[in-house]
Amino acid sequence: SIVWKMASPLIDPRTKKKIHFMNGKDMSLCEEVLGKNWRELVGLDKEHSKTNARGYNHPKYWASLKKFYEDVDNNKEETKEEAKSEPLKEETRKEEANTVADDA
């Protein structure tokens, strides 16, 4: 494909050797790489619908994705709070240094 021809020079040669494109006719590579139960692993034995792709469990993956972004948001809030308090800590250090200098 055109995209592969454009992107492949940017990919490390060792990584490039690991990339295989399947054409849908010869699935022996799937069995070789994933094992005899590859159809079950990739969800080919499940029904495909408009709302659910084979092998994709929306409730399971959506919950983990939501938790991931909640954790990211919580970390952002903690970082913001730390950033707000940092100038205050610096100001306190300066005041303490001035007090010590005045006492001397």
N, C-alpha and C. Protein backbone atom coordinates (compact mmCIF):
# COMPACT_ATOMS: atom_id res chain seq x y z
N SER A 1 0.83 -1.19 0.00
CA SER A 1 0.00 0.00 0.00
C SER A 1 0.88 1.25 0.00
N ILE A 2 0.29 2.34 -0.37
CA ILE A 2 1.02 3.61 -0.43
C ILE A 2 1.46 4.04 0.96
N VAL A 3 0.58 3.87 1.94
CA VAL A 3 0.91 4.28 3.32
C VAL A 3 2.12 3.49 3.82
N TRP A 4 2.14 2.19 3.57
CA TRP A 4 3.26 1.36 4.01
C TRP A 4 4.55 1.79 3.32
N LYS A 5 4.49 2.09 2.04
CA LYS A 5 5.69 2.52 1.31
C LYS A 5 6.23 3.84 1.88
N MET A 6 5.33 4.71 2.34
CA MET A 6 5.77 5.98 2.91
C MET A 6 6.30 5.80 4.34
N ALA A 7 5.66 4.94 5.11
CA ALA A 7 6.01 4.80 6.53
C ALA A 7 7.16 3.83 6.77
N SER A 8 7.30 2.81 5.94
CA SER A 8 8.29 1.76 6.21
C SER A 8 9.74 2.25 6.31
N PRO A 9 10.17 3.24 5.55
CA PRO A 9 11.55 3.71 5.74
C PRO A 9 11.81 4.32 7.12
N LEU A 10 10.75 4.72 7.80
CA LEU A 10 10.89 5.34 9.11
C LEU A 10 10.90 4.32 10.25
N ILE A 11 10.63 3.07 9.92
CA ILE A 11 10.53 2.02 10.93
C ILE A 11 11.84 1.25 11.03
N ASP A 12 12.25 0.95 12.25
CA ASP A 12 13.47 0.18 12.49
C ASP A 12 13.40 -1.16 11.74
N PRO A 13 14.48 -1.58 11.09
CA PRO A 13 14.46 -2.83 10.32
C PRO A 13 14.04 -4.06 11.13
N ARG A 14 14.46 -4.13 12.39
CA ARG A 14 14.07 -5.27 13.23
C ARG A 14 12.57 -5.28 13.47
N THR A 15 12.01 -4.10 13.68
CA THR A 15 10.56 -3.99 13.88
C THR A 15 9.82 -4.31 12.59
N LYS A 16 10.34 -3.83 11.47
CA LYS A 16 9.70 -4.05 10.18
C LYS A 16 9.55 -5.54 9.87
N LYS A 17 10.53 -6.35 10.30
CA LYS A 17 10.46 -7.79 10.06
C LYS A 17 9.29 -8.44 10.80
N LYS A 18 8.83 -7.79 11.87
CA LYS A 18 7.76 -8.35 12.70
C LYS A 18 6.37 -7.98 12.19
N ILE A 19 6.30 -7.11 11.20
CA ILE A 19 5.01 -6.66 10.69
C ILE A 19 4.59 -7.52 9.51
N HIS A 20 3.38 -8.06 9.60
CA HIS A 20 2.85 -8.92 8.53
C HIS A 20 1.45 -8.44 8.16
N PHE A 21 1.19 -8.34 6.88
CA PHE A 21 -0.14 -7.98 6.43
C PHE A 21 -0.87 -9.24 5.99
N MET A 22 -2.11 -9.36 6.41
CA MET A 22 -2.91 -10.53 6.07
C MET A 22 -3.84 -10.16 4.92
N ASN A 23 -3.96 -11.06 3.94
CA ASN A 23 -4.82 -10.77 2.81
C ASN A 23 -6.15 -11.49 2.89
N GLY A 24 -6.36 -12.27 3.92
CA GLY A 24 -7.62 -12.97 4.10
C GLY A 24 -7.68 -14.32 3.40
N LYS A 25 -6.72 -14.63 2.56
CA LYS A 25 -6.72 -15.91 1.85
C LYS A 25 -5.91 -16.97 2.58
N ASP A 26 -4.72 -16.63 2.97
CA ASP A 26 -3.85 -17.59 3.64
C ASP A 26 -3.71 -17.20 5.11
N MET A 27 -4.40 -17.93 5.96
CA MET A 27 -4.39 -17.61 7.39
C MET A 27 -3.41 -18.48 8.17
N SER A 28 -2.51 -19.17 7.48
CA SER A 28 -1.57 -20.06 8.17
C SER A 28 -0.63 -19.26 9.08
N LEU A 29 -0.35 -18.02 8.72
CA LEU A 29 0.52 -17.19 9.56
C LEU A 29 -0.13 -16.95 10.92
N CYS A 30 -1.44 -16.76 10.93
CA CYS A 30 -2.15 -16.55 12.21
C CYS A 30 -1.95 -17.75 13.12
N GLU A 31 -2.10 -18.94 12.57
CA GLU A 31 -1.93 -20.15 13.37
C GLU A 31 -0.49 -20.29 13.82
N GLU A 32 0.43 -19.94 12.96
CA GLU A 32 1.85 -20.04 13.30
C GLU A 32 2.22 -19.09 14.43
N VAL A 33 1.70 -17.87 14.37
CA VAL A 33 2.06 -16.84 15.36
C VAL A 33 1.24 -16.96 16.64
N LEU A 34 -0.07 -17.16 16.51
CA LEU A 34 -0.96 -17.13 17.67
C LEU A 34 -1.35 -18.50 18.20
N GLY A 35 -1.15 -19.55 17.41
CA GLY A 35 -1.52 -20.89 17.85
C GLY A 35 -2.80 -21.36 17.19
N LYS A 36 -3.15 -22.60 17.48
CA LYS A 36 -4.30 -23.22 16.84
C LYS A 36 -5.63 -22.54 17.20
N ASN A 37 -5.70 -21.93 18.37
CA ASN A 37 -6.96 -21.28 18.78
C ASN A 37 -6.97 -19.79 18.41
N TRP A 38 -6.28 -19.41 17.35
CA TRP A 38 -6.18 -17.99 16.97
C TRP A 38 -7.53 -17.38 16.65
N ARG A 39 -8.46 -18.16 16.08
CA ARG A 39 -9.79 -17.61 15.75
C ARG A 39 -10.52 -17.15 17.02
N GLU A 40 -10.39 -17.93 18.08
CA GLU A 40 -11.01 -17.58 19.36
C GLU A 40 -10.32 -16.36 19.96
N LEU A 41 -9.00 -16.32 19.88
CA LEU A 41 -8.23 -15.21 20.44
C LEU A 41 -8.58 -13.87 19.81
N VAL A 42 -8.76 -13.86 18.50
CA VAL A 42 -9.06 -12.59 17.82
C VAL A 42 -10.55 -12.33 17.69
N GLY A 43 -11.38 -13.28 18.15
CA GLY A 43 -12.81 -13.07 18.17
C GLY A 43 -13.53 -13.41 16.88
N LEU A 44 -12.89 -14.16 16.00
CA LEU A 44 -13.55 -14.51 14.74
C LEU A 44 -14.74 -15.43 14.94
N ASP A 45 -14.79 -16.12 16.05
CA ASP A 45 -15.90 -17.04 16.28
C ASP A 45 -17.11 -16.33 16.88
N LYS A 46 -16.98 -15.02 17.17
CA LYS A 46 -18.09 -14.27 17.76
C LYS A 46 -18.87 -13.53 16.67
N GLU A 47 -20.10 -13.21 17.00
CA GLU A 47 -20.95 -12.51 16.05
C GLU A 47 -20.52 -11.05 15.95
N HIS A 48 -20.52 -10.54 14.75
CA HIS A 48 -20.16 -9.15 14.49
C HIS A 48 -21.44 -8.34 14.35
N SER A 49 -21.50 -7.19 14.99
CA SER A 49 -22.67 -6.34 14.87
C SER A 49 -22.22 -4.89 14.69
N LYS A 50 -23.16 -4.01 14.46
CA LYS A 50 -22.83 -2.59 14.28
C LYS A 50 -22.24 -1.98 15.55
N THR A 51 -22.66 -2.47 16.70
CA THR A 51 -22.22 -1.89 17.97
C THR A 51 -21.07 -2.65 18.62
N ASN A 52 -20.74 -3.83 18.11
CA ASN A 52 -19.72 -4.63 18.76
C ASN A 52 -18.89 -5.38 17.73
N ALA A 53 -17.63 -5.03 17.60
CA ALA A 53 -16.74 -5.72 16.68
C ALA A 53 -16.33 -7.06 17.28
N ARG A 54 -15.98 -7.99 16.44
CA ARG A 54 -15.54 -9.31 16.92
C ARG A 54 -14.36 -9.14 17.87
N GLY A 55 -14.45 -9.81 18.99
CA GLY A 55 -13.34 -9.79 19.94
C GLY A 55 -13.29 -8.57 20.83
N TYR A 56 -14.16 -7.60 20.61
CA TYR A 56 -14.15 -6.37 21.40
C TYR A 56 -15.28 -6.44 22.42
N ASN A 57 -14.93 -6.30 23.68
CA ASN A 57 -15.90 -6.33 24.76
C ASN A 57 -16.04 -4.90 25.29
N HIS A 58 -17.05 -4.19 24.79
CA HIS A 58 -17.18 -2.76 25.12
C HIS A 58 -17.25 -2.47 26.62
N PRO A 59 -18.10 -3.13 27.38
CA PRO A 59 -18.15 -2.80 28.81
C PRO A 59 -16.79 -2.98 29.50
N LYS A 60 -16.08 -4.02 29.14
CA LYS A 60 -14.79 -4.29 29.77
C LYS A 60 -13.77 -3.20 29.40
N TYR A 61 -13.64 -2.91 28.12
CA TYR A 61 -12.62 -1.95 27.68
C TYR A 61 -13.00 -0.52 27.99
N TRP A 62 -14.29 -0.20 27.94
CA TRP A 62 -14.73 1.15 28.24
C TRP A 62 -14.45 1.49 29.70
N ALA A 63 -14.72 0.55 30.59
CA ALA A 63 -14.48 0.78 32.02
C ALA A 63 -13.00 1.04 32.29
N SER A 64 -12.13 0.26 31.66
CA SER A 64 -10.70 0.46 31.90
C SER A 64 -10.23 1.77 31.27
N LEU A 65 -10.79 2.16 30.13
CA LEU A 65 -10.42 3.42 29.50
C LEU A 65 -10.87 4.60 30.35
N LYS A 66 -12.09 4.51 30.89
CA LYS A 66 -12.60 5.57 31.77
C LYS A 66 -11.71 5.73 32.99
N LYS A 67 -11.33 4.62 33.60
CA LYS A 67 -10.48 4.67 34.79
C LYS A 67 -9.13 5.29 34.46
N PHE A 68 -8.58 4.93 33.31
CA PHE A 68 -7.29 5.49 32.90
C PHE A 68 -7.37 7.01 32.82
N TYR A 69 -8.41 7.54 32.15
CA TYR A 69 -8.52 8.99 32.01
C TYR A 69 -8.88 9.68 33.30
N GLU A 70 -9.60 9.02 34.18
CA GLU A 70 -9.86 9.59 35.50
C GLU A 70 -8.55 9.73 36.27
N ASP A 71 -7.69 8.71 36.18
CA ASP A 71 -6.39 8.77 36.84
C ASP A 71 -5.54 9.89 36.25
N VAL A 72 -5.58 10.05 34.93
CA VAL A 72 -4.83 11.12 34.28
C VAL A 72 -5.33 12.47 34.78
N ASP A 73 -6.65 12.65 34.82
CA ASP A 73 -7.22 13.91 35.30
C ASP A 73 -6.84 14.17 36.75
N ASN A 74 -6.88 13.14 37.59
CA ASN A 74 -6.51 13.31 38.99
C ASN A 74 -5.05 13.73 39.12
N ASN A 75 -4.19 13.14 38.31
CA ASN A 75 -2.78 13.51 38.35
C ASN A 75 -2.58 14.95 37.90
N LYS A 76 -3.36 15.40 36.91
CA LYS A 76 -3.27 16.79 36.45
C LYS A 76 -3.66 17.73 37.57
N GLU A 77 -4.75 17.39 38.29
CA GLU A 77 -5.19 18.24 39.40
C GLU A 77 -4.14 18.31 40.49
N GLU A 78 -3.53 17.18 40.83
CA GLU A 78 -2.48 17.17 41.85
C GLU A 78 -1.31 18.02 41.40
N THR A 79 -0.94 17.93 40.13
CA THR A 79 0.17 18.71 39.60
C THR A 79 -0.15 20.19 39.65
N LYS A 80 -1.41 20.56 39.32
CA LYS A 80 -1.82 21.97 39.38
C LYS A 80 -1.71 22.50 40.81
N GLU A 81 -2.19 21.70 41.77
CA GLU A 81 -2.13 22.12 43.17
C GLU A 81 -0.68 22.31 43.62
N GLU A 82 0.19 21.39 43.21
CA GLU A 82 1.61 21.51 43.57
C GLU A 82 2.21 22.76 42.95
N ALA A 83 1.83 23.05 41.71
CA ALA A 83 2.36 24.23 41.02
C ALA A 83 1.90 25.51 41.70
N LYS A 84 0.64 25.51 42.18
CA LYS A 84 0.13 26.69 42.88
C LYS A 84 0.87 26.92 44.19
N SER A 85 1.19 25.84 44.89
CA SER A 85 1.81 25.98 46.21
C SER A 85 3.31 26.22 46.10
N GLU A 86 3.91 25.93 44.98
CA GLU A 86 5.37 26.08 44.83
C GLU A 86 5.83 27.53 45.02
N PRO A 87 5.17 28.54 44.42
CA PRO A 87 5.59 29.92 44.68
C PRO A 87 5.46 30.30 46.14
N LEU A 88 4.45 29.78 46.82
CA LEU A 88 4.28 30.07 48.25
C LEU A 88 5.43 29.48 49.05
N LYS A 89 5.85 28.26 48.69
CA LYS A 89 6.97 27.63 49.39
C LYS A 89 8.24 28.46 49.18
N GLU A 90 8.44 28.93 47.96
CA GLU A 90 9.64 29.73 47.66
C GLU A 90 9.60 31.04 48.44
N GLU A 91 8.43 31.66 48.51
CA GLU A 91 8.28 32.91 49.24
C GLU A 91 8.56 32.68 50.73
N THR A 92 8.08 31.58 51.27
CA THR A 92 8.31 31.24 52.68
C THR A 92 9.80 31.03 52.93
N ARG A 93 10.49 30.34 52.00
CA ARG A 93 11.93 30.13 52.15
C ARG A 93 12.67 31.47 52.18
N LYS A 94 12.28 32.40 51.31
CA LYS A 94 12.94 33.71 51.27
C LYS A 94 12.71 34.47 52.57
N GLU A 95 11.46 34.40 53.07
CA GLU A 95 11.15 35.08 54.33
C GLU A 95 11.96 34.50 55.47
N GLU A 96 12.08 33.17 55.51
CA GLU A 96 12.87 32.52 56.55
C GLU A 96 14.34 32.93 56.44
N ALA A 97 14.84 32.99 55.22
CA ALA A 97 16.24 33.38 55.01
C ALA A 97 16.46 34.83 55.47
N ASN A 98 15.51 35.71 55.17
CA ASN A 98 15.61 37.10 55.60
C ASN A 98 15.56 37.22 57.12
N THR A 99 14.72 36.40 57.76
CA THR A 99 14.60 36.42 59.21
C THR A 99 15.91 35.98 59.84
N VAL A 100 16.51 34.94 59.29
CA VAL A 100 17.78 34.44 59.81
C VAL A 100 18.86 35.50 59.61
N ALA A 101 18.85 36.17 58.46
CA ALA A 101 19.85 37.19 58.17
C ALA A 101 19.67 38.39 59.11
N ASP A 102 18.41 38.75 59.39
CA ASP A 102 18.13 39.86 60.30
C ASP A 102 18.57 39.54 61.72
N ASP A 103 18.42 38.29 62.14
CA ASP A 103 18.80 37.86 63.47
C ASP A 103 20.33 37.86 63.66
N ALA A 104 21.05 37.71 62.57
CA ALA A 104 22.51 37.60 62.67
C ALA A 104 23.16 38.90 62.82
